[in-house]
Amino acid sequence: MVEFKGPGYTSSYNNIFIIIPAIIIVVLIGFVAYRLVDSLVSKKRQKLEKARMRQQKKGDRQVSPQPSPGKPKRK
């Protein structure tokens, strides 16, 4: 039991009224933190993937430059 005492004021609350809201707040903070970290990691992963794709395309162009096929000229 939690007891609050003061001059002319006495009250007691069952611990469950303090523990349950505390658990709910901790769970909500944990969920928000998880979503924030997941979002940041996802953005970083997307940037790395884009950079990897750009490097791969750049490497493909340097290794095998293909001339663009043109239309044959008619006489």
Protein backbone atom coordinates (compact mmCIF):
# COMPACT_ATOMS: atom_id res chain seq x y z
CA MET A 1 0.00 0.00 0.00
CA VAL A 2 1.14 3.48 -0.78
CA GLU A 3 0.22 6.00 1.86
CA PHE A 4 0.15 9.73 1.40
CA LYS A 5 0.15 11.74 4.62
CA GLY A 6 0.04 15.42 5.11
CA PRO A 7 -1.40 17.90 7.55
CA GLY A 8 -5.06 17.02 7.67
CA TYR A 9 -4.78 14.73 4.63
CA THR A 10 -4.40 10.97 4.74
CA SER A 11 -4.98 8.65 1.85
CA SER A 12 -3.81 5.23 0.80
CA TYR A 13 -3.89 3.61 -2.62
CA ASN A 14 -3.47 0.03 -3.61
CA ASN A 15 -0.14 -0.57 -5.41
CA ILE A 16 -1.95 -1.88 -8.47
CA PHE A 17 -3.10 1.67 -9.30
CA ILE A 18 0.54 2.72 -9.61
CA ILE A 19 2.07 -0.41 -11.12
CA ILE A 20 -0.35 -0.92 -14.03
CA PRO A 21 -0.04 2.65 -15.44
CA ALA A 22 3.74 2.42 -15.00
CA ILE A 23 3.80 -0.82 -17.01
CA ILE A 24 1.63 0.72 -19.73
CA ILE A 25 3.91 3.79 -19.96
CA VAL A 26 7.07 1.65 -20.12
CA VAL A 27 5.55 -0.53 -22.86
CA LEU A 28 4.51 2.53 -24.90
CA ILE A 29 7.97 4.11 -24.57
CA GLY A 30 9.58 0.81 -25.61
CA PHE A 31 7.29 0.51 -28.64
CA VAL A 32 7.98 4.09 -29.78
CA ALA A 33 11.73 3.58 -29.34
CA TYR A 34 11.60 0.32 -31.33
CA ARG A 35 9.68 1.98 -34.19
CA LEU A 36 12.11 4.91 -34.24
CA VAL A 37 15.19 2.70 -34.39
CA ASP A 38 13.57 0.45 -37.00
CA SER A 39 12.72 3.47 -39.15
CA LEU A 40 16.25 4.86 -38.95
CA VAL A 41 17.84 1.51 -39.76
CA SER A 42 15.44 1.03 -42.68
CA LYS A 43 16.33 4.43 -44.16
CA LYS A 44 20.03 3.70 -43.80
CA ARG A 45 19.57 0.29 -45.44
CA GLN A 46 17.72 1.89 -48.38
CA LYS A 47 20.50 4.44 -48.88
CA LEU A 48 23.12 1.70 -48.88
CA GLU A 49 21.08 -0.35 -51.35
CA LYS A 50 20.73 2.64 -53.70
CA ALA A 51 24.46 3.33 -53.48
CA ARG A 52 25.20 -0.34 -54.20
CA MET A 53 22.90 -0.28 -57.24
CA ARG A 54 24.56 2.90 -58.54
CA GLN A 55 28.02 1.34 -58.11
CA GLN A 56 26.86 -1.83 -59.86
CA LYS A 57 25.42 0.14 -62.79
CA LYS A 58 28.56 2.27 -62.98
CA GLY A 59 30.71 -0.88 -62.93
CA ASP A 60 28.62 -2.51 -65.68
CA ARG A 61 29.05 0.53 -67.92
CA GLN A 62 32.81 0.59 -67.45
CA VAL A 63 33.31 -3.13 -68.01
CA SER A 64 31.26 -3.65 -71.13
CA PRO A 65 30.35 -0.49 -72.98
CA GLN A 66 27.90 -1.55 -75.67
CA PRO A 67 27.37 0.72 -78.64
CA SER A 68 23.75 1.57 -79.09
CA PRO A 69 22.30 -0.24 -82.08
CA GLY A 70 21.39 2.26 -84.76
CA LYS A 71 18.96 1.90 -87.61
CA PRO A 72 20.55 0.64 -90.82
CA LYS A 73 20.76 3.35 -93.46
CA ARG A 74 18.58 2.90 -96.51
CA LYS A 75 19.72 3.81 -99.96
